[in-house]
Amino acid sequence: MEKANQSESASNPLCGKCPALCCRYVAIEIQAPSAKEEFDHIRWYLLHRDVQVFIDHDGAWFVEFVTPCEELTADNQCRIYDRRPEICRSHGNPPEVCEMQGTPYVELFHAPEEFDEYLRKKNQSVPS
C-alpha cells in the first residue's frame, strides 16, 4: 500500500522522501516537573531503554517511547494507509510539525545525567 497519495506528494514533495520518522516513536505529554517527585519521575523514565524525554517548541514536556509502528514496512510504507488513525492523517498539519521540516525538540534527554545538566545550566536546583 502506498504511504502517500499523489495529491499529498504533490503538495509536499518531502512526503515522497520521508523515512517515516513520525512512525518510529510514541510521545505522551506530561506536566513540566516542578516538585521533587516529578523530577524523580523524569529520571526514572530516562533509566529505561528506548525512552527519552523532550521539551517541544511550545514548552510542552513529553515522554517519548522509541518504538516503530507495527504497520511500518521495511521500505517505510504504511500497510494500513487507507485506514490509518486520524493522528497519522493530521500529522504534518501545519507542515512545521513534521519531522522532515525540522525537529520537535528544543531539549532532548536520553539519560538522567543530561537532565541534571540541563537543570544546572538553567540554574534550577537539582532535587535529590
N, C-alpha and C. Protein backbone atom coordinates (compact mmCIF):
# COMPACT_ATOMS: atom_id res chain seq x y z
N MET A 1 0.85 -1.18 0.00
CA MET A 1 0.00 0.00 0.00
C MET A 1 0.90 1.24 0.00
N GLU A 2 0.54 2.24 -0.75
CA GLU A 2 1.32 3.46 -0.84
C GLU A 2 1.27 4.27 0.43
N LYS A 3 2.40 4.90 0.81
CA LYS A 3 2.44 5.72 2.01
C LYS A 3 1.74 7.06 1.79
N ALA A 4 1.94 7.67 0.67
CA ALA A 4 1.33 8.97 0.41
C ALA A 4 0.67 8.93 -0.97
N ASN A 5 -0.53 9.50 -1.05
CA ASN A 5 -1.18 9.52 -2.36
C ASN A 5 -0.60 10.65 -3.20
N GLN A 6 -0.98 10.70 -4.48
CA GLN A 6 -0.40 11.67 -5.40
C GLN A 6 -0.60 13.11 -4.96
N SER A 7 -1.81 13.45 -4.45
CA SER A 7 -2.04 14.84 -4.07
C SER A 7 -1.21 15.24 -2.87
N GLU A 8 -1.02 14.33 -1.91
CA GLU A 8 -0.18 14.65 -0.75
C GLU A 8 1.27 14.83 -1.18
N SER A 9 1.77 13.95 -2.04
CA SER A 9 3.16 14.06 -2.50
C SER A 9 3.35 15.31 -3.33
N ALA A 10 2.35 15.68 -4.13
CA ALA A 10 2.47 16.88 -4.95
C ALA A 10 2.45 18.13 -4.09
N SER A 11 1.61 18.16 -3.03
CA SER A 11 1.54 19.35 -2.19
C SER A 11 2.74 19.46 -1.26
N ASN A 12 3.37 18.36 -0.93
CA ASN A 12 4.57 18.38 -0.10
C ASN A 12 5.53 17.33 -0.61
N PRO A 13 6.50 17.76 -1.43
CA PRO A 13 7.42 16.80 -2.03
C PRO A 13 8.25 16.02 -1.01
N LEU A 14 8.36 16.52 0.23
CA LEU A 14 9.10 15.78 1.24
C LEU A 14 8.43 14.46 1.60
N CYS A 15 7.11 14.37 1.44
CA CYS A 15 6.39 13.14 1.79
C CYS A 15 6.95 11.93 1.04
N GLY A 16 7.27 12.11 -0.22
CA GLY A 16 7.79 11.00 -1.02
C GLY A 16 9.19 10.58 -0.61
N LYS A 17 9.93 11.44 0.09
CA LYS A 17 11.29 11.14 0.52
C LYS A 17 11.37 10.79 2.01
N CYS A 18 10.25 10.77 2.68
CA CYS A 18 10.23 10.62 4.13
C CYS A 18 10.62 9.21 4.57
N PRO A 19 11.53 9.09 5.54
CA PRO A 19 11.87 7.78 6.09
C PRO A 19 10.93 7.39 7.25
N ALA A 20 9.74 7.96 7.26
CA ALA A 20 8.71 7.65 8.26
C ALA A 20 9.19 7.96 9.67
N LEU A 21 9.78 9.11 9.86
CA LEU A 21 10.30 9.50 11.17
C LEU A 21 9.22 9.50 12.24
N CYS A 22 8.04 9.98 11.90
CA CYS A 22 6.95 10.07 12.88
C CYS A 22 6.37 8.71 13.22
N CYS A 23 6.71 7.69 12.46
CA CYS A 23 6.18 6.34 12.70
C CYS A 23 7.13 5.50 13.55
N ARG A 24 8.12 6.14 14.15
CA ARG A 24 9.16 5.42 14.88
C ARG A 24 9.15 5.69 16.38
N TYR A 25 8.14 6.43 16.84
CA TYR A 25 8.05 6.71 18.27
C TYR A 25 6.62 7.03 18.66
N VAL A 26 6.38 7.01 19.95
CA VAL A 26 5.12 7.46 20.54
C VAL A 26 5.51 8.46 21.61
N ALA A 27 4.89 9.63 21.62
CA ALA A 27 5.18 10.64 22.64
C ALA A 27 3.91 10.98 23.39
N ILE A 28 4.02 11.00 24.71
CA ILE A 28 2.90 11.30 25.59
C ILE A 28 3.24 12.57 26.37
N GLU A 29 2.35 13.56 26.30
CA GLU A 29 2.61 14.81 27.02
C GLU A 29 2.48 14.60 28.53
N ILE A 30 3.40 15.23 29.26
CA ILE A 30 3.40 15.18 30.72
C ILE A 30 3.49 16.60 31.25
N GLN A 31 3.23 16.76 32.54
CA GLN A 31 3.40 18.07 33.17
C GLN A 31 4.87 18.40 33.29
N ALA A 32 5.22 19.67 33.14
CA ALA A 32 6.59 20.09 33.39
C ALA A 32 6.90 19.81 34.85
N PRO A 33 8.04 19.23 35.13
CA PRO A 33 8.36 18.90 36.52
C PRO A 33 8.55 20.16 37.37
N SER A 34 8.01 20.12 38.59
CA SER A 34 8.20 21.25 39.49
C SER A 34 8.41 20.80 40.93
N ALA A 35 8.05 19.59 41.25
CA ALA A 35 8.22 19.06 42.60
C ALA A 35 9.25 17.94 42.57
N LYS A 36 9.83 17.67 43.73
CA LYS A 36 10.87 16.64 43.84
C LYS A 36 10.43 15.32 43.20
N GLU A 37 9.21 14.89 43.48
CA GLU A 37 8.71 13.62 42.95
C GLU A 37 8.65 13.65 41.42
N GLU A 38 8.28 14.78 40.84
CA GLU A 38 8.19 14.89 39.38
C GLU A 38 9.58 14.86 38.73
N PHE A 39 10.57 15.50 39.36
CA PHE A 39 11.94 15.42 38.85
C PHE A 39 12.43 13.98 38.91
N ASP A 40 12.06 13.29 39.98
CA ASP A 40 12.44 11.89 40.12
C ASP A 40 11.78 11.03 39.05
N HIS A 41 10.54 11.34 38.69
CA HIS A 41 9.86 10.60 37.63
C HIS A 41 10.60 10.75 36.30
N ILE A 42 11.06 11.96 36.01
CA ILE A 42 11.81 12.19 34.77
C ILE A 42 13.05 11.30 34.75
N ARG A 43 13.78 11.30 35.86
CA ARG A 43 14.97 10.45 35.93
C ARG A 43 14.61 8.97 35.75
N TRP A 44 13.52 8.55 36.35
CA TRP A 44 13.09 7.16 36.23
C TRP A 44 12.76 6.80 34.79
N TYR A 45 12.02 7.69 34.09
CA TYR A 45 11.73 7.43 32.67
C TYR A 45 13.03 7.20 31.90
N LEU A 46 14.01 8.07 32.17
CA LEU A 46 15.26 8.06 31.42
C LEU A 46 16.16 6.86 31.74
N LEU A 47 15.84 6.13 32.77
CA LEU A 47 16.59 4.92 33.09
C LEU A 47 16.13 3.72 32.25
N HIS A 48 15.07 3.89 31.50
CA HIS A 48 14.53 2.80 30.68
C HIS A 48 15.05 2.86 29.25
N ARG A 49 15.31 1.70 28.71
CA ARG A 49 15.80 1.58 27.33
C ARG A 49 14.77 2.15 26.36
N ASP A 50 15.24 2.89 25.39
CA ASP A 50 14.42 3.43 24.31
C ASP A 50 13.33 4.40 24.79
N VAL A 51 13.60 5.07 25.91
CA VAL A 51 12.70 6.10 26.42
C VAL A 51 13.50 7.39 26.53
N GLN A 52 12.92 8.46 26.03
CA GLN A 52 13.53 9.79 26.08
C GLN A 52 12.50 10.76 26.64
N VAL A 53 12.95 11.92 27.07
CA VAL A 53 12.06 12.99 27.48
C VAL A 53 12.47 14.21 26.67
N PHE A 54 11.47 14.96 26.20
CA PHE A 54 11.82 16.16 25.45
C PHE A 54 10.87 17.31 25.78
N ILE A 55 11.36 18.49 25.46
CA ILE A 55 10.58 19.73 25.55
C ILE A 55 10.42 20.21 24.12
N ASP A 56 9.17 20.53 23.73
CA ASP A 56 8.95 20.97 22.35
C ASP A 56 9.02 22.49 22.24
N HIS A 57 8.76 23.00 21.06
CA HIS A 57 8.88 24.43 20.78
C HIS A 57 7.85 25.28 21.52
N ASP A 58 6.79 24.65 22.00
CA ASP A 58 5.78 25.37 22.78
C ASP A 58 6.05 25.28 24.28
N GLY A 59 7.14 24.62 24.66
CA GLY A 59 7.46 24.46 26.07
C GLY A 59 6.77 23.28 26.74
N ALA A 60 6.09 22.46 25.95
CA ALA A 60 5.41 21.27 26.50
C ALA A 60 6.44 20.15 26.69
N TRP A 61 6.23 19.36 27.73
CA TRP A 61 7.11 18.23 28.07
C TRP A 61 6.45 16.94 27.61
N PHE A 62 7.30 15.99 27.12
CA PHE A 62 6.82 14.71 26.62
C PHE A 62 7.75 13.58 27.05
N VAL A 63 7.16 12.42 27.27
CA VAL A 63 7.93 11.18 27.37
C VAL A 63 7.81 10.54 26.00
N GLU A 64 8.94 10.17 25.43
CA GLU A 64 8.97 9.57 24.10
C GLU A 64 9.45 8.12 24.19
N PHE A 65 8.65 7.23 23.63
CA PHE A 65 8.98 5.82 23.57
C PHE A 65 9.44 5.53 22.14
N VAL A 66 10.70 5.19 21.99
CA VAL A 66 11.26 4.94 20.66
C VAL A 66 10.91 3.51 20.27
N THR A 67 9.88 3.42 19.44
CA THR A 67 9.35 2.11 19.02
C THR A 67 8.60 2.29 17.71
N PRO A 68 8.95 1.53 16.69
CA PRO A 68 8.28 1.72 15.40
C PRO A 68 6.85 1.19 15.39
N CYS A 69 6.05 1.79 14.58
CA CYS A 69 4.68 1.33 14.36
C CYS A 69 4.72 -0.09 13.78
N GLU A 70 3.83 -0.93 14.23
CA GLU A 70 3.76 -2.31 13.74
C GLU A 70 3.34 -2.38 12.28
N GLU A 71 2.76 -1.32 11.74
CA GLU A 71 2.30 -1.32 10.36
C GLU A 71 3.30 -0.69 9.40
N LEU A 72 4.47 -0.34 9.88
CA LEU A 72 5.51 0.25 9.05
C LEU A 72 6.31 -0.86 8.38
N THR A 73 6.43 -0.79 7.05
CA THR A 73 7.17 -1.82 6.31
C THR A 73 8.65 -1.45 6.26
N ALA A 74 9.46 -2.38 5.82
CA ALA A 74 10.91 -2.17 5.72
C ALA A 74 11.26 -1.01 4.77
N ASP A 75 10.38 -0.73 3.80
CA ASP A 75 10.64 0.37 2.87
C ASP A 75 9.86 1.64 3.26
N ASN A 76 9.54 1.76 4.56
CA ASN A 76 8.92 2.97 5.14
C ASN A 76 7.52 3.27 4.61
N GLN A 77 6.81 2.24 4.23
CA GLN A 77 5.43 2.40 3.78
C GLN A 77 4.47 1.97 4.89
N CYS A 78 3.26 2.47 4.82
CA CYS A 78 2.24 2.13 5.80
C CYS A 78 1.34 1.03 5.23
N ARG A 79 1.27 -0.08 5.93
CA ARG A 79 0.42 -1.19 5.46
C ARG A 79 -1.06 -0.85 5.50
N ILE A 80 -1.45 0.08 6.37
CA ILE A 80 -2.87 0.41 6.54
C ILE A 80 -3.15 1.86 6.16
N TYR A 81 -2.43 2.36 5.18
CA TYR A 81 -2.51 3.78 4.82
C TYR A 81 -3.95 4.26 4.66
N ASP A 82 -4.78 3.52 3.95
CA ASP A 82 -6.16 3.95 3.69
C ASP A 82 -7.03 3.98 4.94
N ARG A 83 -6.63 3.25 5.97
CA ARG A 83 -7.43 3.23 7.21
C ARG A 83 -6.59 3.59 8.44
N ARG A 84 -5.52 4.34 8.23
CA ARG A 84 -4.65 4.75 9.33
C ARG A 84 -5.40 5.67 10.29
N PRO A 85 -4.96 5.73 11.55
CA PRO A 85 -5.64 6.57 12.54
C PRO A 85 -5.59 8.06 12.17
N GLU A 86 -6.51 8.81 12.70
CA GLU A 86 -6.60 10.25 12.42
C GLU A 86 -5.32 10.98 12.81
N ILE A 87 -4.69 10.57 13.89
CA ILE A 87 -3.44 11.24 14.32
C ILE A 87 -2.39 11.14 13.22
N CYS A 88 -2.38 10.04 12.49
CA CYS A 88 -1.45 9.88 11.37
C CYS A 88 -1.85 10.78 10.20
N ARG A 89 -3.15 10.84 9.94
CA ARG A 89 -3.65 11.66 8.82
C ARG A 89 -3.36 13.14 9.03
N SER A 90 -3.45 13.60 10.27
CA SER A 90 -3.29 15.04 10.54
C SER A 90 -1.84 15.43 10.83
N HIS A 91 -0.96 14.46 10.99
CA HIS A 91 0.45 14.79 11.28
C HIS A 91 1.03 15.57 10.10
N GLY A 92 1.77 16.59 10.43
CA GLY A 92 2.34 17.45 9.39
C GLY A 92 1.42 18.59 9.02
N ASN A 93 0.38 18.78 9.79
CA ASN A 93 -0.56 19.89 9.60
C ASN A 93 -0.55 20.74 10.85
N PRO A 94 0.05 21.87 10.90
CA PRO A 94 0.78 22.56 9.83
C PRO A 94 2.12 21.86 9.54
N PRO A 95 2.69 22.14 8.37
CA PRO A 95 3.89 21.44 7.92
C PRO A 95 5.06 21.51 8.91
N GLU A 96 5.18 22.58 9.67
CA GLU A 96 6.34 22.70 10.55
C GLU A 96 6.34 21.69 11.70
N VAL A 97 5.24 20.98 11.93
CA VAL A 97 5.25 19.94 12.96
C VAL A 97 5.76 18.60 12.41
N CYS A 98 6.01 18.53 11.14
CA CYS A 98 6.55 17.32 10.52
C CYS A 98 8.06 17.25 10.77
N GLU A 99 8.54 16.08 11.15
CA GLU A 99 9.96 15.90 11.43
C GLU A 99 10.85 16.14 10.21
N MET A 100 10.28 16.04 9.01
CA MET A 100 11.06 16.34 7.81
C MET A 100 11.26 17.85 7.63
N GLN A 101 10.45 18.65 8.32
CA GLN A 101 10.57 20.11 8.23
C GLN A 101 11.46 20.68 9.33
N GLY A 102 11.70 19.91 10.37
CA GLY A 102 12.51 20.38 11.49
C GLY A 102 12.32 19.44 12.67
N THR A 103 12.98 19.74 13.74
CA THR A 103 12.92 18.87 14.90
C THR A 103 11.81 19.30 15.87
N PRO A 104 11.12 18.35 16.49
CA PRO A 104 10.14 18.73 17.52
C PRO A 104 10.82 19.11 18.84
N TYR A 105 12.12 18.84 18.94
CA TYR A 105 12.83 19.00 20.20
C TYR A 105 13.49 20.38 20.35
N VAL A 106 13.24 21.01 21.48
CA VAL A 106 14.05 22.15 21.90
C VAL A 106 15.12 21.60 22.84
N GLU A 107 14.70 20.68 23.70
CA GLU A 107 15.61 19.94 24.57
C GLU A 107 15.25 18.47 24.47
N LEU A 108 16.26 17.61 24.43
CA LEU A 108 16.05 16.17 24.36
C LEU A 108 16.98 15.50 25.34
N PHE A 109 16.42 14.66 26.21
CA PHE A 109 17.19 13.97 27.25
C PHE A 109 17.14 12.47 27.01
N HIS A 110 18.33 11.85 26.98
CA HIS A 110 18.44 10.40 26.81
C HIS A 110 18.77 9.71 28.12
N ALA A 111 19.32 10.46 29.07
CA ALA A 111 19.80 9.88 30.32
C ALA A 111 19.58 10.87 31.47
N PRO A 112 19.49 10.36 32.70
CA PRO A 112 19.28 11.26 33.85
C PRO A 112 20.37 12.33 33.97
N GLU A 113 21.59 11.98 33.61
CA GLU A 113 22.69 12.94 33.71
C GLU A 113 22.47 14.14 32.77
N GLU A 114 21.93 13.90 31.60
CA GLU A 114 21.63 15.00 30.68
C GLU A 114 20.56 15.91 31.26
N PHE A 115 19.57 15.32 31.89
CA PHE A 115 18.50 16.09 32.52
C PHE A 115 19.07 16.93 33.67
N ASP A 116 19.91 16.33 34.50
CA ASP A 116 20.52 17.07 35.61
C ASP A 116 21.40 18.21 35.11
N GLU A 117 22.13 17.97 34.03
CA GLU A 117 22.97 19.02 33.45
C GLU A 117 22.11 20.18 32.93
N TYR A 118 20.99 19.85 32.30
CA TYR A 118 20.05 20.87 31.84
C TYR A 118 19.58 21.73 33.02
N LEU A 119 19.23 21.08 34.11
CA LEU A 119 18.78 21.81 35.30
C LEU A 119 19.88 22.72 35.85
N ARG A 120 21.10 22.20 35.87
CA ARG A 120 22.23 23.03 36.35
C ARG A 120 22.41 24.26 35.46
N LYS A 121 22.35 24.07 34.15
CA LYS A 121 22.51 25.19 33.22
C LYS A 121 21.39 26.20 33.36
N LYS A 122 20.19 25.73 33.69
CA LYS A 122 19.05 26.62 33.89
C LYS A 122 19.04 27.25 35.28
N ASN A 123 20.08 26.92 36.05
CA ASN A 123 20.19 27.41 37.43
C ASN A 123 19.01 27.00 38.29
N GLN A 124 18.47 25.83 37.99
CA GLN A 124 17.43 25.27 38.82
C GLN A 124 18.11 24.31 39.78
N SER A 125 17.60 24.26 40.98
CA SER A 125 18.17 23.30 41.90
C SER A 125 17.84 21.90 41.42
N VAL A 126 18.74 21.00 41.65
CA VAL A 126 18.53 19.61 41.27
C VAL A 126 18.06 18.89 42.52
N PRO A 127 16.74 18.64 42.62
CA PRO A 127 16.25 17.95 43.80
C PRO A 127 16.87 16.57 43.93
N SER A 128 17.29 16.23 45.14
CA SER A 128 17.92 14.92 45.38
C SER A 128 16.88 13.88 45.69
